[in-house]
Each structure stands twice: as structure tokens, then as C-alpha cells.
Amino acid sequence: MQTSLLSISQVAVLIGIRKHRLEYALAEGHVPEPKLRFIGKRALDPADVCAIASYFRKENEQCKKEGESCSASST
């Protein structure tokens, strides 16, 4: 099973937010840090993307395909 990894910039574009908003949410601990890093940079997997989309209350096609819930969490 191959998992596609995305950068912070790619995730921001994918869910439709600005990169600095995502960086701030990560820095403040509003969304968990991704488990993976590649060459010192965050590498986000589909589960991370769903968690971030949920935090920002955004719909995401990738989450729907994976069958994961992207419903808004109570934060």
C-alpha cells in the first residue's frame, strides 16, 4: 500500500487555506504535529490532512475517498 505524503504548502492549497494559518495551528498545538518528517520538513499523510481539514471545518475529497470522517471536531 502506497501512501502519498504532502507538504504544508500542498495541504494548504488542497483544503483552501493560507499556509501561515496552517503553520500557526501546528505551532500552537491546535492540530497535532505530523508523525513523519522528510529532510527536516513535515510530511503529512492522508490522516493528517483529514485532521487538519476537520479543524478548519473544510470538506476534503481525499477524506471522502479514504472513508475517513472529516466532520468538524469540537475545539
C-alpha atoms as a PDB file:
ATOM      1  CA  MET A   1       0.000   0.000   0.000  1.00  0.00           C
ATOM      2  CA  GLN A   2       1.495   3.293  -1.073  1.00  0.00           C
ATOM      3  CA  THR A   3       0.682   6.429   0.911  1.00  0.00           C
ATOM      4  CA  SER A   4       1.113   9.821  -0.665  1.00  0.00           C
ATOM      5  CA  LEU A   5       2.816  12.378   1.542  1.00  0.00           C
ATOM      6  CA  LEU A   6       2.176  16.089   1.195  1.00  0.00           C
ATOM      7  CA  SER A   7       3.965  19.227   2.323  1.00  0.00           C
ATOM      8  CA  ILE A   8       2.400  22.008   4.383  1.00  0.00           C
ATOM      9  CA  SER A   9       2.034  24.145   1.244  1.00  0.00           C
ATOM     10  CA  GLN A  10       0.331  21.343  -0.682  1.00  0.00           C
ATOM     11  CA  VAL A  11      -2.115  20.660   2.159  1.00  0.00           C
ATOM     12  CA  ALA A  12      -2.947  24.362   2.483  1.00  0.00           C
ATOM     13  CA  VAL A  13      -3.788  24.556  -1.220  1.00  0.00           C
ATOM     14  CA  LEU A  14      -5.699  21.270  -1.094  1.00  0.00           C
ATOM     15  CA  ILE A  15      -8.056  22.367   1.675  1.00  0.00           C
ATOM     16  CA  GLY A  16      -8.210  26.018   0.641  1.00  0.00           C
ATOM     17  CA  ILE A  17      -6.461  27.911   3.432  1.00  0.00           C
ATOM     18  CA  ARG A  18      -3.369  30.077   3.586  1.00  0.00           C
ATOM     19  CA  LYS A  19      -0.122  28.391   4.540  1.00  0.00           C
ATOM     20  CA  HIS A  20       0.541  30.671   7.518  1.00  0.00           C
ATOM     21  CA  ARG A  21      -2.790  29.688   9.115  1.00  0.00           C
ATOM     22  CA  LEU A  22      -1.779  26.036   8.988  1.00  0.00           C
ATOM     23  CA  GLU A  23       1.700  26.780  10.321  1.00  0.00           C
ATOM     24  CA  TYR A  24       0.176  28.741  13.219  1.00  0.00           C
ATOM     25  CA  ALA A  25      -2.280  25.946  14.065  1.00  0.00           C
ATOM     26  CA  LEU A  26       0.601  23.455  14.153  1.00  0.00           C
ATOM     27  CA  ALA A  27       2.854  25.740  16.214  1.00  0.00           C
ATOM     28  CA  GLU A  28       0.123  26.411  18.782  1.00  0.00           C
ATOM     29  CA  GLY A  29      -0.834  22.738  19.047  1.00  0.00           C
ATOM     30  CA  HIS A  30      -4.355  23.135  17.668  1.00  0.00           C
ATOM     31  CA  VAL A  31      -3.648  20.282  15.269  1.00  0.00           C
ATOM     32  CA  PRO A  32      -1.161  17.522  16.070  1.00  0.00           C
ATOM     33  CA  GLU A  33       2.293  17.589  14.532  1.00  0.00           C
ATOM     34  CA  PRO A  34       2.656  15.054  11.731  1.00  0.00           C
ATOM     35  CA  LYS A  35       4.448  11.872  12.705  1.00  0.00           C
ATOM     36  CA  LEU A  36       6.701  11.943   9.649  1.00  0.00           C
ATOM     37  CA  ARG A  37       9.463  14.283   8.559  1.00  0.00           C
ATOM     38  CA  PHE A  38      11.454  14.179   5.349  1.00  0.00           C
ATOM     39  CA  ILE A  39      14.688  16.178   5.132  1.00  0.00           C
ATOM     40  CA  GLY A  40      13.585  18.150   8.193  1.00  0.00           C
ATOM     41  CA  LYS A  41      10.224  19.126   6.722  1.00  0.00           C
ATOM     42  CA  ARG A  42       6.798  17.968   7.797  1.00  0.00           C
ATOM     43  CA  ALA A  43       5.357  15.186   5.660  1.00  0.00           C
ATOM     44  CA  LEU A  44       1.605  14.857   6.065  1.00  0.00           C
ATOM     45  CA  ASP A  45      -0.245  11.650   5.302  1.00  0.00           C
ATOM     46  CA  PRO A  46      -3.980  11.376   4.460  1.00  0.00           C
ATOM     47  CA  ALA A  47      -4.946  11.013   8.148  1.00  0.00           C
ATOM     48  CA  ASP A  48      -3.106  14.261   8.944  1.00  0.00           C
ATOM     49  CA  VAL A  49      -4.868  16.001   6.053  1.00  0.00           C
ATOM     50  CA  CYS A  50      -8.264  14.868   7.384  1.00  0.00           C
ATOM     51  CA  ALA A  51      -7.442  16.098  10.895  1.00  0.00           C
ATOM     52  CA  ILE A  52      -6.380  19.485   9.518  1.00  0.00           C
ATOM     53  CA  ALA A  53      -9.435  19.768   7.255  1.00  0.00           C
ATOM     54  CA  SER A  54     -11.631  18.928  10.226  1.00  0.00           C
ATOM     55  CA  TYR A  55     -10.000  21.598  12.399  1.00  0.00           C
ATOM     56  CA  PHE A  56     -10.549  24.251   9.727  1.00  0.00           C
ATOM     57  CA  ARG A  57     -14.054  22.880   9.023  1.00  0.00           C
ATOM     58  CA  LYS A  58     -13.279  22.211   5.373  1.00  0.00           C
ATOM     59  CA  GLU A  59     -14.550  19.388   3.187  1.00  0.00           C
ATOM     60  CA  ASN A  60     -11.882  17.275   1.542  1.00  0.00           C
ATOM     61  CA  GLU A  61     -12.319  14.814  -1.318  1.00  0.00           C
ATOM     62  CA  GLN A  62      -9.344  12.733  -0.190  1.00  0.00           C
ATOM     63  CA  CYS A  63     -11.003  12.074   3.180  1.00  0.00           C
ATOM     64  CA  LYS A  64     -14.215  11.000   1.483  1.00  0.00           C
ATOM     65  CA  LYS A  65     -12.304   8.588  -0.759  1.00  0.00           C
ATOM     66  CA  GLU A  66     -10.428   7.120   2.193  1.00  0.00           C
ATOM     67  CA  GLY A  67     -13.712   6.688   4.068  1.00  0.00           C
ATOM     68  CA  GLU A  68     -12.472   8.775   6.955  1.00  0.00           C
ATOM     69  CA  SER A  69     -14.727  11.257   8.669  1.00  0.00           C
ATOM     70  CA  CYS A  70     -13.828  14.887   8.165  1.00  0.00           C
ATOM     71  CA  SER A  71     -16.651  16.214  10.288  1.00  0.00           C
ATOM     72  CA  ALA A  72     -15.823  19.304  12.303  1.00  0.00           C
ATOM     73  CA  SER A  73     -14.325  18.495  15.666  1.00  0.00           C
ATOM     74  CA  SER A  74     -15.123  20.426  18.794  1.00  0.00           C
ATOM     75  CA  THR A  75     -12.120  22.617  19.518  1.00  0.00           C
END
